[in-house]
PDB file of N, CA and C in Angstrom:
ATOM      1  N   MET A   1     -14.509  -5.639  15.055  1.00  0.00           N
ATOM      2  CA  MET A   1     -13.224  -6.221  14.750  1.00  0.00           C
ATOM      3  C   MET A   1     -12.171  -5.527  15.609  1.00  0.00           C
ATOM      4  N   GLY A   2     -11.440  -6.284  16.405  1.00  0.00           N
ATOM      5  CA  GLY A   2     -10.434  -5.705  17.292  1.00  0.00           C
ATOM      6  C   GLY A   2      -9.127  -5.432  16.580  1.00  0.00           C
ATOM      7  N   PHE A   3      -8.325  -4.615  17.214  1.00  0.00           N
ATOM      8  CA  PHE A   3      -7.004  -4.308  16.689  1.00  0.00           C
ATOM      9  C   PHE A   3      -5.961  -4.784  17.686  1.00  0.00           C
ATOM     10  N   ASN A   4      -4.852  -5.235  17.175  1.00  0.00           N
ATOM     11  CA  ASN A   4      -3.734  -5.655  18.012  1.00  0.00           C
ATOM     12  C   ASN A   4      -2.537  -4.775  17.721  1.00  0.00           C
ATOM     13  N   ALA A   5      -1.789  -4.461  18.735  1.00  0.00           N
ATOM     14  CA  ALA A   5      -0.554  -3.708  18.548  1.00  0.00           C
ATOM     15  C   ALA A   5       0.547  -4.694  18.188  1.00  0.00           C
ATOM     16  N   LEU A   6       1.363  -4.320  17.256  1.00  0.00           N
ATOM     17  CA  LEU A   6       2.480  -5.150  16.853  1.00  0.00           C
ATOM     18  C   LEU A   6       3.710  -4.267  16.822  1.00  0.00           C
ATOM     19  N   CYS A   7       4.712  -4.608  17.597  1.00  0.00           N
ATOM     20  CA  CYS A   7       5.949  -3.832  17.636  1.00  0.00           C
ATOM     21  C   CYS A   7       6.996  -4.526  16.780  1.00  0.00           C
ATOM     22  N   CYS A   8       7.670  -3.750  15.968  1.00  0.00           N
ATOM     23  CA  CYS A   8       8.716  -4.286  15.109  1.00  0.00           C
ATOM     24  C   CYS A   8      10.016  -3.584  15.446  1.00  0.00           C
ATOM     25  N   PHE A   9      11.065  -4.347  15.672  1.00  0.00           N
ATOM     26  CA  PHE A   9      12.349  -3.703  15.911  1.00  0.00           C
ATOM     27  C   PHE A   9      13.487  -4.694  15.757  1.00  0.00           C
ATOM     28  N   CYS A  10      14.641  -4.177  15.543  1.00  0.00           N
ATOM     29  CA  CYS A  10      15.869  -4.935  15.644  1.00  0.00           C
ATOM     30  C   CYS A  10      16.998  -3.926  15.724  1.00  0.00           C
ATOM     31  N   LEU A  11      18.208  -4.384  15.951  1.00  0.00           N
ATOM     32  CA  LEU A  11      19.302  -3.445  16.137  1.00  0.00           C
ATOM     33  C   LEU A  11      19.878  -2.983  14.810  1.00  0.00           C
ATOM     34  N   MET A  12      20.464  -3.876  14.075  1.00  0.00           N
ATOM     35  CA  MET A  12      21.059  -3.525  12.797  1.00  0.00           C
ATOM     36  C   MET A  12      20.792  -4.662  11.844  1.00  0.00           C
ATOM     37  N   GLU A  13      20.316  -4.346  10.669  1.00  0.00           N
ATOM     38  CA  GLU A  13      20.041  -5.396   9.716  1.00  0.00           C
ATOM     39  C   GLU A  13      20.016  -4.831   8.322  1.00  0.00           C
ATOM     40  N   SER A  14      19.493  -5.594   7.388  1.00  0.00           N
ATOM     41  CA  SER A  14      19.522  -5.360   5.958  1.00  0.00           C
ATOM     42  C   SER A  14      19.687  -3.911   5.517  1.00  0.00           C
ATOM     43  N   CYS A  15      18.886  -3.045   5.661  1.00  0.00           N
ATOM     44  CA  CYS A  15      18.865  -1.680   5.117  1.00  0.00           C
ATOM     45  C   CYS A  15      20.240  -1.022   5.028  1.00  0.00           C
ATOM     46  N   GLY A  16      21.197  -1.690   4.422  1.00  0.00           N
ATOM     47  CA  GLY A  16      22.526  -1.138   4.254  1.00  0.00           C
ATOM     48  C   GLY A  16      23.240  -0.912   5.576  1.00  0.00           C
ATOM     49  N   GLY A  17      22.910  -1.663   6.590  1.00  0.00           N
ATOM     50  CA  GLY A  17      23.544  -1.509   7.884  1.00  0.00           C
ATOM     51  C   GLY A  17      23.010  -0.333   8.679  1.00  0.00           C
ATOM     52  N   ALA A  18      21.933   0.271   8.204  1.00  0.00           N
ATOM     53  CA  ALA A  18      21.350   1.422   8.906  1.00  0.00           C
ATOM     54  C   ALA A  18      20.669   0.949  10.186  1.00  0.00           C
ATOM     55  N   TRP A  19      20.730   1.774  11.193  1.00  0.00           N
ATOM     56  CA  TRP A  19      20.026   1.462  12.431  1.00  0.00           C
ATOM     57  C   TRP A  19      18.538   1.543  12.166  1.00  0.00           C
ATOM     58  N   MET A  20      17.815   0.622  12.718  1.00  0.00           N
ATOM     59  CA  MET A  20      16.368   0.618  12.552  1.00  0.00           C
ATOM     60  C   MET A  20      15.718   1.227  13.775  1.00  0.00           C
ATOM     61  N   LYS A  21      14.572   1.825  13.560  1.00  0.00           N
ATOM     62  CA  LYS A  21      13.823   2.451  14.640  1.00  0.00           C
ATOM     63  C   LYS A  21      12.621   1.589  14.991  1.00  0.00           C
ATOM     64  N   LEU A  22      12.283   1.598  16.248  1.00  0.00           N
ATOM     65  CA  LEU A  22      11.118   0.885  16.741  1.00  0.00           C
ATOM     66  C   LEU A  22       9.853   1.634  16.332  1.00  0.00           C
ATOM     67  N   ILE A  23       8.891   0.893  15.814  1.00  0.00           N
ATOM     68  CA  ILE A  23       7.574   1.469  15.536  1.00  0.00           C
ATOM     69  C   ILE A  23       6.524   0.564  16.169  1.00  0.00           C
ATOM     70  N   THR A  24       5.394   1.133  16.456  1.00  0.00           N
ATOM     71  CA  THR A  24       4.254   0.362  16.932  1.00  0.00           C
ATOM     72  C   THR A  24       3.143   0.564  15.925  1.00  0.00           C
ATOM     73  N   LEU A  25       2.520  -0.508  15.513  1.00  0.00           N
ATOM     74  CA  LEU A  25       1.415  -0.347  14.595  1.00  0.00           C
ATOM     75  C   LEU A  25       0.254  -1.220  15.024  1.00  0.00           C
ATOM     76  N   TYR A  26      -0.918  -0.767  14.702  1.00  0.00           N
ATOM     77  CA  TYR A  26      -2.139  -1.493  15.033  1.00  0.00           C
ATOM     78  C   TYR A  26      -2.637  -2.185  13.785  1.00  0.00           C
ATOM     79  N   LEU A  27      -2.910  -3.476  13.906  1.00  0.00           N
ATOM     80  CA  LEU A  27      -3.401  -4.274  12.791  1.00  0.00           C
ATOM     81  C   LEU A  27      -4.709  -4.947  13.170  1.00  0.00           C
ATOM     82  N   PRO A  28      -5.621  -5.038  12.213  1.00  0.00           N
ATOM     83  CA  PRO A  28      -6.833  -5.821  12.472  1.00  0.00           C
ATOM     84  C   PRO A  28      -6.445  -7.286  12.725  1.00  0.00           C
ATOM     85  N   GLU A  29      -7.188  -7.949  13.538  1.00  0.00           N
ATOM     86  CA  GLU A  29      -6.916  -9.343  13.891  1.00  0.00           C
ATOM     87  C   GLU A  29      -6.694 -10.239  12.668  1.00  0.00           C
ATOM     88  N   PRO A  30      -7.512 -10.134  11.603  1.00  0.00           N
ATOM     89  CA  PRO A  30      -7.262 -11.004  10.438  1.00  0.00           C
ATOM     90  C   PRO A  30      -5.892 -10.766   9.800  1.00  0.00           C
ATOM     91  N   TYR A  31      -5.418  -9.516   9.789  1.00  0.00           N
ATOM     92  CA  TYR A  31      -4.091  -9.226   9.237  1.00  0.00           C
ATOM     93  C   TYR A  31      -3.020  -9.894  10.088  1.00  0.00           C
ATOM     94  N   LEU A  32      -3.163  -9.776  11.392  1.00  0.00           N
ATOM     95  CA  LEU A  32      -2.181 -10.350  12.299  1.00  0.00           C
ATOM     96  C   LEU A  32      -2.145 -11.867  12.168  1.00  0.00           C
ATOM     97  N   LYS A  33      -3.308 -12.486  12.053  1.00  0.00           N
ATOM     98  CA  LYS A  33      -3.361 -13.940  11.891  1.00  0.00           C
ATOM     99  C   LYS A  33      -2.726 -14.365  10.572  1.00  0.00           C
ATOM    100  N   ALA A  34      -2.996 -13.630   9.497  1.00  0.00           N
ATOM    101  CA  ALA A  34      -2.401 -13.954   8.195  1.00  0.00           C
ATOM    102  C   ALA A  34      -0.894 -13.764   8.235  1.00  0.00           C
ATOM    103  N   LEU A  35      -0.443 -12.707   8.876  1.00  0.00           N
ATOM    104  CA  LEU A  35       0.982 -12.442   9.018  1.00  0.00           C
ATOM    105  C   LEU A  35       1.659 -13.561   9.805  1.00  0.00           C
ATOM    106  N   GLN A  36       1.051 -13.967  10.897  1.00  0.00           N
ATOM    107  CA  GLN A  36       1.599 -15.064  11.693  1.00  0.00           C
ATOM    108  C   GLN A  36       1.610 -16.354  10.890  1.00  0.00           C
ATOM    109  N   GLY A  37       0.606 -16.549  10.039  1.00  0.00           N
ATOM    110  CA  GLY A  37       0.567 -17.732   9.180  1.00  0.00           C
ATOM    111  C   GLY A  37       1.770 -17.798   8.250  1.00  0.00           C
ATOM    112  N   LEU A  38       2.196 -16.637   7.726  1.00  0.00           N
ATOM    113  CA  LEU A  38       3.383 -16.609   6.869  1.00  0.00           C
ATOM    114  C   LEU A  38       4.632 -17.016   7.646  1.00  0.00           C
ATOM    115  N   VAL A  39       4.703 -16.600   8.894  1.00  0.00           N
ATOM    116  CA  VAL A  39       5.834 -16.985   9.744  1.00  0.00           C
ATOM    117  C   VAL A  39       5.750 -18.471  10.077  1.00  0.00           C
ATOM    118  N   ASP A  40       4.571 -18.930  10.447  1.00  0.00           N
ATOM    119  CA  ASP A  40       4.391 -20.346  10.790  1.00  0.00           C
ATOM    120  C   ASP A  40       4.720 -21.255   9.609  1.00  0.00           C
ATOM    121  N   ASP A  41       4.404 -20.794   8.395  1.00  0.00           N
ATOM    122  CA  ASP A  41       4.695 -21.568   7.181  1.00  0.00           C
ATOM    123  C   ASP A  41       6.131 -21.366   6.699  1.00  0.00           C
ATOM    124  N   ARG A  42       6.910 -20.622   7.476  1.00  0.00           N
ATOM    125  CA  ARG A  42       8.337 -20.387   7.219  1.00  0.00           C
ATOM    126  C   ARG A  42       8.624 -19.592   5.949  1.00  0.00           C
ATOM    127  N   TYR A  43       7.685 -18.732   5.552  1.00  0.00           N
ATOM    128  CA  TYR A  43       7.978 -17.808   4.456  1.00  0.00           C
ATOM    129  C   TYR A  43       8.920 -16.709   4.957  1.00  0.00           C
ATOM    130  N   TYR A  44       8.795 -16.359   6.225  1.00  0.00           N
ATOM    131  CA  TYR A  44       9.615 -15.330   6.862  1.00  0.00           C
ATOM    132  C   TYR A  44      10.026 -15.828   8.234  1.00  0.00           C
ATOM    133  N   PRO A  45      11.182 -15.365   8.726  1.00  0.00           N
ATOM    134  CA  PRO A  45      11.636 -15.835  10.041  1.00  0.00           C
ATOM    135  C   PRO A  45      10.825 -15.266  11.201  1.00  0.00           C
ATOM    136  N   ASN A  46      10.212 -14.099  10.987  1.00  0.00           N
ATOM    137  CA  ASN A  46       9.412 -13.475  12.045  1.00  0.00           C
ATOM    138  C   ASN A  46       8.505 -12.416  11.422  1.00  0.00           C
ATOM    139  N   ARG A  47       7.574 -11.913  12.206  1.00  0.00           N
ATOM    140  CA  ARG A  47       6.622 -10.922  11.679  1.00  0.00           C
ATOM    141  C   ARG A  47       7.303  -9.622  11.298  1.00  0.00           C
ATOM    142  N   ALA A  48       8.299  -9.226  12.070  1.00  0.00           N
ATOM    143  CA  ALA A  48       8.999  -7.969  11.772  1.00  0.00           C
ATOM    144  C   ALA A  48       9.634  -8.022  10.383  1.00  0.00           C
ATOM    145  N   GLU A  49      10.268  -9.141  10.057  1.00  0.00           N
ATOM    146  CA  GLU A  49      10.902  -9.255   8.738  1.00  0.00           C
ATOM    147  C   GLU A  49       9.851  -9.250   7.631  1.00  0.00           C
ATOM    148  N   ALA A  50       8.732  -9.915   7.848  1.00  0.00           N
ATOM    149  CA  ALA A  50       7.659  -9.913   6.843  1.00  0.00           C
ATOM    150  C   ALA A  50       7.151  -8.495   6.602  1.00  0.00           C
ATOM    151  N   ILE A  51       7.019  -7.725   7.652  1.00  0.00           N
ATOM    152  CA  ILE A  51       6.548  -6.343   7.514  1.00  0.00           C
ATOM    153  C   ILE A  51       7.599  -5.498   6.808  1.00  0.00           C
ATOM    154  N   ARG A  52       8.887  -5.672   7.151  1.00  0.00           N
ATOM    155  CA  ARG A  52       9.943  -4.920   6.468  1.00  0.00           C
ATOM    156  C   ARG A  52       9.942  -5.206   4.973  1.00  0.00           C
ATOM    157  N   VAL A  53       9.807  -6.481   4.597  1.00  0.00           N
ATOM    158  CA  VAL A  53       9.781  -6.856   3.186  1.00  0.00           C
ATOM    159  C   VAL A  53       8.572  -6.227   2.489  1.00  0.00           C
ATOM    160  N   ALA A  54       7.415  -6.260   3.143  1.00  0.00           N
ATOM    161  CA  ALA A  54       6.212  -5.679   2.544  1.00  0.00           C
ATOM    162  C   ALA A  54       6.370  -4.173   2.333  1.00  0.00           C
ATOM    163  N   ILE A  55       6.938  -3.489   3.307  1.00  0.00           N
ATOM    164  CA  ILE A  55       7.138  -2.050   3.175  1.00  0.00           C
ATOM    165  C   ILE A  55       8.164  -1.749   2.090  1.00  0.00           C
ATOM    166  N   ARG A  56       9.260  -2.497   2.066  1.00  0.00           N
ATOM    167  CA  ARG A  56      10.276  -2.309   1.021  1.00  0.00           C
ATOM    168  C   ARG A  56       9.664  -2.488  -0.364  1.00  0.00           C
ATOM    169  N   ASP A  57       8.871  -3.553  -0.539  1.00  0.00           N
ATOM    170  CA  ASP A  57       8.257  -3.812  -1.836  1.00  0.00           C
ATOM    171  C   ASP A  57       7.260  -2.722  -2.213  1.00  0.00           C
ATOM    172  N   LEU A  58       6.506  -2.228  -1.248  1.00  0.00           N
ATOM    173  CA  LEU A  58       5.566  -1.135  -1.505  1.00  0.00           C
ATOM    174  C   LEU A  58       6.320   0.119  -1.948  1.00  0.00           C
ATOM    175  N   LEU A  59       7.383   0.464  -1.244  1.00  0.00           N
ATOM    176  CA  LEU A  59       8.162   1.651  -1.606  1.00  0.00           C
ATOM    177  C   LEU A  59       8.790   1.516  -2.984  1.00  0.00           C
ATOM    178  N   ASN A  60       9.301   0.328  -3.313  1.00  0.00           N
ATOM    179  CA  ASN A  60       9.861   0.095  -4.644  1.00  0.00           C
ATOM    180  C   ASN A  60       8.789   0.213  -5.723  1.00  0.00           C
ATOM    181  N   ALA A  61       7.621  -0.349  -5.482  1.00  0.00           N
ATOM    182  CA  ALA A  61       6.532  -0.279  -6.465  1.00  0.00           C
ATOM    183  C   ALA A  61       6.070   1.157  -6.673  1.00  0.00           C
ATOM    184  N   GLU A  62       5.973   1.912  -5.598  1.00  0.00           N
ATOM    185  CA  GLU A  62       5.552   3.312  -5.711  1.00  0.00           C
ATOM    186  C   GLU A  62       6.611   4.141  -6.435  1.00  0.00           C
ATOM    187  N   ALA A  63       7.872   3.902  -6.160  1.00  0.00           N
ATOM    188  CA  ALA A  63       8.955   4.613  -6.867  1.00  0.00           C
ATOM    189  C   ALA A  63       8.916   4.292  -8.346  1.00  0.00           C
ATOM    190  N   TRP A  64       8.719   3.016  -8.686  1.00  0.00           N
ATOM    191  CA  TRP A  64       8.650   2.606 -10.090  1.00  0.00           C
ATOM    192  C   TRP A  64       7.455   3.273 -10.766  1.00  0.00           C
ATOM    193  N   ARG A  65       6.291   3.277 -10.084  1.00  0.00           N
ATOM    194  CA  ARG A  65       5.096   3.886 -10.652  1.00  0.00           C
ATOM    195  C   ARG A  65       5.316   5.384 -10.867  1.00  0.00           C
ATOM    196  N   LYS A  66       5.928   6.030  -9.902  1.00  0.00           N
ATOM    197  CA  LYS A  66       6.184   7.464 -10.003  1.00  0.00           C
ATOM    198  C   LYS A  66       7.119   7.771 -11.167  1.00  0.00           C
ATOM    199  N   ASN A  67       8.191   6.985 -11.323  1.00  0.00           N
ATOM    200  CA  ASN A  67       9.130   7.189 -12.418  1.00  0.00           C
ATOM    201  C   ASN A  67       8.499   6.878 -13.773  1.00  0.00           C
ATOM    202  N   ALA A  68       7.634   5.884 -13.827  1.00  0.00           N
ATOM    203  CA  ALA A  68       6.989   5.507 -15.079  1.00  0.00           C
ATOM    204  C   ALA A  68       5.981   6.545 -15.545  1.00  0.00           C
ATOM    205  N   SER A  69       5.381   7.259 -14.596  1.00  0.00           N
ATOM    206  CA  SER A  69       4.348   8.234 -14.979  1.00  0.00           C
ATOM    207  C   SER A  69       4.929   9.618 -15.278  1.00  0.00           C
ATOM    208  N   GLY A  70       6.194   9.763 -15.125  1.00  0.00           N
ATOM    209  CA  GLY A  70       6.797  11.012 -15.562  1.00  0.00           C
ATOM    210  C   GLY A  70       7.460  11.736 -14.492  1.00  0.00           C
TER     211      GLY A  70
END
């Protein structure tokens, strides 16, 4: 199974107007195809935004879990 590099970046956006940093990440081909499918189906405007939303939701869920467990 091959991996593809996916670069995510933008200048200034949602995160309270904070500057965003460029990252490069490697994704398995099936992940990349599924991610592109979400963009093609217009769930997200682009892959970068879909990844930002996924990371935000993960961080919120982990914070909630951490607070709930004490």
